[in-house]
């Protein structure tokens, strides 16, 4: 059995154990984060049961998408520049990083041109780190209402956030708890084109804590593909 297949089976088993621990009977979507990973490894992951792929950069999506062996659900999980939206609007199934009105305006425009409704997550800067993008938690509700009111070709389907990297994963718990509380608050709103379905939080180092705090979508790269050289 290949290492990638072994890793995938391990992560899926850990998800199952964590859900059982929490007495949850719902599912968690596993996104294999394939940034810097070659098409051969991606195809191996797809052959090993992966259905969702996450990429950080538009140029990597453009390069890889035509060459994967199976149909996959594609997630754009990195910062999205407005001038790159047109290149991925027909390829990406879910944008995780909507966090500003100029980007919403461009996504809406390109989606309308292609007769699409684009599913998006609102990125929230739960760690308050300058190095991370996203809205402050207190600004999210007003942003969601503005997008709902003005951009008919965008469907907001949840939230995405990243805890700071901690050597001890347990220390990420307060950040995930904060985002889950915000998710629950927004779920009570009745707005056009807004449905809180996905709470995307948790990566290789902390996904079990994230699931314990309510995540139903995790983004795992190193845990599937191994350590990578980002140079």
Protein backbone atom coordinates (compact mmCIF):
# COMPACT_ATOMS: atom_id res chain seq x y z
CA UNK A 1 0.00 0.00 0.00
CA UNK A 2 1.34 3.44 -0.92
CA UNK A 3 2.18 5.99 1.77
CA UNK A 4 -0.45 8.41 0.48
CA UNK A 5 -3.17 5.75 0.67
CA UNK A 6 -1.98 4.77 4.15
CA UNK A 7 -2.07 8.41 5.27
CA UNK A 8 -5.58 8.93 3.89
CA UNK A 9 -6.90 5.84 5.64
CA UNK A 10 -5.26 6.98 8.89
CA UNK A 11 -6.83 10.46 8.71
CA UNK A 12 -10.25 9.04 7.87
CA UNK A 13 -10.03 6.66 10.83
CA UNK A 14 -9.03 9.54 13.13
CA UNK A 15 -12.03 11.55 11.89
CA UNK A 16 -14.32 8.62 12.64
CA UNK A 17 -12.85 8.15 16.13
CA UNK A 18 -13.19 11.84 16.91
CA UNK A 19 -16.80 11.97 15.74
CA UNK A 20 -17.59 8.94 17.90
CA UNK A 21 -15.88 10.57 20.86
CA UNK A 22 -18.10 13.64 20.41
CA UNK A 23 -21.18 11.49 19.80
CA UNK A 24 -21.70 13.25 16.48
CA UNK A 25 -23.51 11.39 13.71
CA UNK A 26 -22.82 13.84 10.88
CA UNK A 27 -19.97 13.79 8.36
CA UNK A 28 -16.73 15.72 8.05
CA UNK A 29 -15.52 16.65 4.57
CA UNK A 30 -11.82 15.86 4.14
CA UNK A 31 -10.04 18.23 1.76
CA UNK A 32 -6.62 17.06 0.57
CA UNK A 33 -4.52 20.21 0.31
CA UNK A 34 -2.42 19.64 -2.77
CA UNK A 35 -0.41 22.86 -2.98
CA UNK A 36 3.06 22.19 -4.47
CA UNK A 37 2.04 18.54 -5.02
CA UNK A 38 2.42 17.04 -8.49
CA UNK A 39 -0.43 15.65 -10.56
CA UNK A 40 0.83 12.08 -10.11
CA UNK A 41 0.46 12.33 -6.33
CA UNK A 42 -2.92 14.03 -6.67
CA UNK A 43 -4.14 11.22 -8.93
CA UNK A 44 -2.89 8.71 -6.37
CA UNK A 45 -4.91 10.48 -3.67
CA UNK A 46 -8.02 10.46 -5.86
CA UNK A 47 -7.52 6.75 -6.54
CA UNK A 48 -7.25 6.26 -2.76
CA UNK A 49 -10.65 7.73 -1.96
CA UNK A 50 -10.09 11.49 -1.86
CA UNK A 51 -12.93 13.49 -3.45
CA UNK A 52 -12.03 17.06 -2.44
CA UNK A 53 -8.86 18.93 -3.43
CA UNK A 54 -7.71 22.24 -1.94
CA UNK A 55 -5.35 24.63 -3.68
CA UNK A 56 -3.93 27.94 -2.49
CA UNK A 57 -2.96 29.49 -5.80
CA UNK A 58 -4.93 30.10 -8.97
CA UNK A 59 -1.98 29.24 -11.20
CA UNK A 60 -1.69 25.80 -9.59
CA UNK A 61 -5.38 25.14 -10.21
CA UNK A 62 -5.00 26.12 -13.86
CA UNK A 63 -1.99 23.85 -14.26
CA UNK A 64 -3.37 20.79 -12.48
CA UNK A 65 -7.10 20.77 -13.14
CA UNK A 66 -6.92 19.54 -16.76
CA UNK A 67 -4.56 16.70 -15.81
CA UNK A 68 -6.24 14.98 -12.88
CA UNK A 69 -7.48 11.47 -13.55
CA UNK A 70 -10.88 11.73 -11.88
CA UNK A 71 -13.58 14.27 -11.30
CA UNK A 72 -12.92 16.07 -8.03
CA UNK A 73 -14.49 18.86 -6.01
CA UNK A 74 -12.06 21.79 -6.11
CA UNK A 75 -11.61 24.25 -3.25
CA UNK A 76 -9.70 27.54 -3.48
CA UNK A 77 -8.47 27.90 0.11
CA UNK A 78 -5.83 30.61 -0.30
CA UNK A 79 -6.14 34.36 -0.65
CA UNK A 80 -7.87 35.22 -3.91
CA UNK A 81 -6.87 38.35 -5.79
CA UNK A 82 -9.68 40.08 -7.67
CA UNK A 83 -7.77 39.97 -10.97
CA UNK A 84 -7.51 36.16 -10.74
CA UNK A 85 -11.20 35.40 -10.24
CA UNK A 86 -11.92 35.13 -13.96
CA UNK A 87 -9.42 32.29 -14.30
CA UNK A 88 -11.05 29.97 -11.77
CA UNK A 89 -14.73 30.91 -11.81
CA UNK A 90 -15.70 27.85 -13.88
CA UNK A 91 -13.25 25.46 -12.21
CA UNK A 92 -13.56 26.01 -8.45
CA UNK A 93 -16.56 24.58 -6.63
CA UNK A 94 -16.06 26.40 -3.32
CA UNK A 95 -14.08 29.56 -2.53
CA UNK A 96 -12.96 29.59 1.13
CA UNK A 97 -11.51 33.09 1.29
CA UNK A 98 -14.20 35.71 0.65
CA UNK A 99 -13.30 38.57 2.99
CA UNK A 100 -13.83 41.91 1.24
CA UNK A 101 -16.41 43.69 -0.88
CA UNK A 102 -14.22 44.30 -3.98
CA UNK A 103 -13.67 40.53 -4.16
CA UNK A 104 -17.40 39.85 -3.72
CA UNK A 105 -18.14 42.32 -6.50
CA UNK A 106 -15.71 40.59 -8.87
CA UNK A 107 -16.89 37.07 -8.02
CA UNK A 108 -20.49 38.15 -8.55
CA UNK A 109 -19.63 39.78 -11.88
CA UNK A 110 -17.74 36.76 -13.23
CA UNK A 111 -20.34 34.31 -11.94
CA UNK A 112 -23.10 36.29 -13.64
CA UNK A 113 -21.17 36.31 -16.93
CA UNK A 114 -20.96 32.51 -16.76
CA UNK A 115 -24.53 31.97 -15.54
CA UNK A 116 -23.29 30.56 -12.21
CA UNK A 117 -24.06 30.88 -8.54
CA UNK A 118 -20.67 30.76 -6.79
CA UNK A 119 -20.51 29.07 -3.39
CA UNK A 120 -18.27 30.93 -0.94
CA UNK A 121 -17.13 30.74 2.66
CA UNK A 122 -16.39 33.88 4.61
CA UNK A 123 -12.81 33.86 5.87
CA UNK A 124 -12.55 34.99 9.49
CA UNK A 125 -9.27 35.99 11.14
CA UNK A 126 -9.93 34.17 14.40
CA UNK A 127 -6.27 34.25 15.46
CA UNK A 128 -5.93 38.04 15.00
CA UNK A 129 -2.53 37.47 13.40
CA UNK A 130 -1.31 40.10 10.94
CA UNK A 131 -0.02 37.33 8.69
CA UNK A 132 -3.51 35.91 8.20
CA UNK A 133 -6.27 37.30 6.03
CA UNK A 134 -9.95 37.45 6.86
CA UNK A 135 -12.56 39.58 8.54
CA UNK A 136 -12.63 40.29 12.25
CA UNK A 137 -15.38 38.28 13.92
CA UNK A 138 -17.31 41.40 14.87
CA UNK A 139 -17.48 42.52 11.22
CA UNK A 140 -18.75 39.27 9.73
CA UNK A 141 -22.51 39.68 10.22
CA UNK A 142 -22.62 43.10 8.54
CA UNK A 143 -20.49 41.75 5.68
CA UNK A 144 -22.75 38.74 5.17
CA UNK A 145 -25.81 40.99 5.09
CA UNK A 146 -24.20 43.31 2.55
CA UNK A 147 -23.22 40.43 0.23
CA UNK A 148 -26.68 38.88 0.56
CA UNK A 149 -28.36 42.16 -0.32
CA UNK A 150 -26.18 43.20 -3.26
CA UNK A 151 -24.60 40.16 -4.94
CA UNK A 152 -27.17 37.68 -6.24
CA UNK A 153 -24.65 35.35 -7.89
CA UNK A 154 -22.86 34.55 -4.64
CA UNK A 155 -24.16 31.96 -2.20
CA UNK A 156 -22.58 32.13 1.26
CA UNK A 157 -22.46 28.60 2.63
CA UNK A 158 -20.34 28.92 5.76
CA UNK A 159 -17.18 30.15 7.44
CA UNK A 160 -13.46 29.35 7.26
CA UNK A 161 -10.80 30.13 9.81
CA UNK A 162 -7.29 29.15 10.92
CA UNK A 163 -6.02 28.91 14.45
CA UNK A 164 -2.42 29.93 15.11
CA UNK A 165 0.06 27.09 14.81
CA UNK A 166 0.61 25.61 18.26
CA UNK A 167 3.03 22.87 19.23
CA UNK A 168 0.31 21.69 21.60
CA UNK A 169 -2.91 21.37 19.54
CA UNK A 170 -5.12 21.71 22.63
CA UNK A 171 -4.18 25.40 22.71
CA UNK A 172 -6.13 25.94 19.47
CA UNK A 173 -9.45 25.07 21.10
CA UNK A 174 -10.53 28.62 22.12
CA UNK A 175 -10.10 29.84 18.53
CA UNK A 176 -12.25 27.06 17.10
CA UNK A 177 -14.86 27.57 19.82
CA UNK A 178 -15.06 31.25 18.91
CA UNK A 179 -15.63 30.50 15.22
CA UNK A 180 -18.27 27.86 16.00
CA UNK A 181 -20.16 30.37 18.15
CA UNK A 182 -20.12 32.85 15.28
CA UNK A 183 -21.27 30.12 12.87
CA UNK A 184 -24.22 29.32 15.14
CA UNK A 185 -25.18 33.00 15.44
CA UNK A 186 -25.17 33.43 11.66
CA UNK A 187 -27.15 30.21 11.21
CA UNK A 188 -30.11 31.88 12.92
CA UNK A 189 -30.27 34.66 10.32
CA UNK A 190 -32.78 34.39 7.50
CA UNK A 191 -31.03 35.94 4.50
CA UNK A 192 -31.24 35.46 0.76
CA UNK A 193 -28.47 33.22 -0.63
CA UNK A 194 -27.05 32.50 2.84
CA UNK A 195 -27.02 28.99 4.27
CA UNK A 196 -24.57 28.07 7.00
CA UNK A 197 -23.66 24.54 5.89
CA UNK A 198 -19.87 24.35 6.21
CA UNK A 199 -17.54 25.23 9.05
CA UNK A 200 -14.08 24.87 7.52
CA UNK A 201 -11.53 24.73 10.31
CA UNK A 202 -8.75 22.36 11.25
CA UNK A 203 -5.55 21.32 9.49
CA UNK A 204 -3.00 18.52 9.92
CA UNK A 205 -1.83 19.67 13.35
CA UNK A 206 -5.20 20.46 14.92
CA UNK A 207 -8.07 18.89 12.97
CA UNK A 208 -9.15 16.60 15.82
CA UNK A 209 -9.58 19.57 18.16
CA UNK A 210 -11.44 21.43 15.39
CA UNK A 211 -13.84 18.50 14.91
CA UNK A 212 -14.43 18.33 18.66
CA UNK A 213 -15.43 22.01 18.48
CA UNK A 214 -17.84 21.52 15.57
CA UNK A 215 -15.86 21.61 12.33
CA UNK A 216 -17.43 19.68 9.46
CA UNK A 217 -14.74 20.45 6.88
CA UNK A 218 -10.99 20.00 7.44
CA UNK A 219 -8.01 20.88 5.24
CA UNK A 220 -5.18 18.34 5.47
CA UNK A 221 -2.00 18.63 3.41
CA UNK A 222 1.06 17.36 5.27
CA UNK A 223 -0.98 14.61 6.91
CA UNK A 224 -1.76 13.18 3.46
CA UNK A 225 1.12 14.14 1.16
CA UNK A 226 3.91 14.47 3.72
CA UNK A 227 6.28 17.36 4.32
CA UNK A 228 6.79 19.57 1.29
CA UNK A 229 9.42 22.00 0.10
CA UNK A 230 7.78 25.42 -0.29
CA UNK A 231 10.84 27.13 -1.76
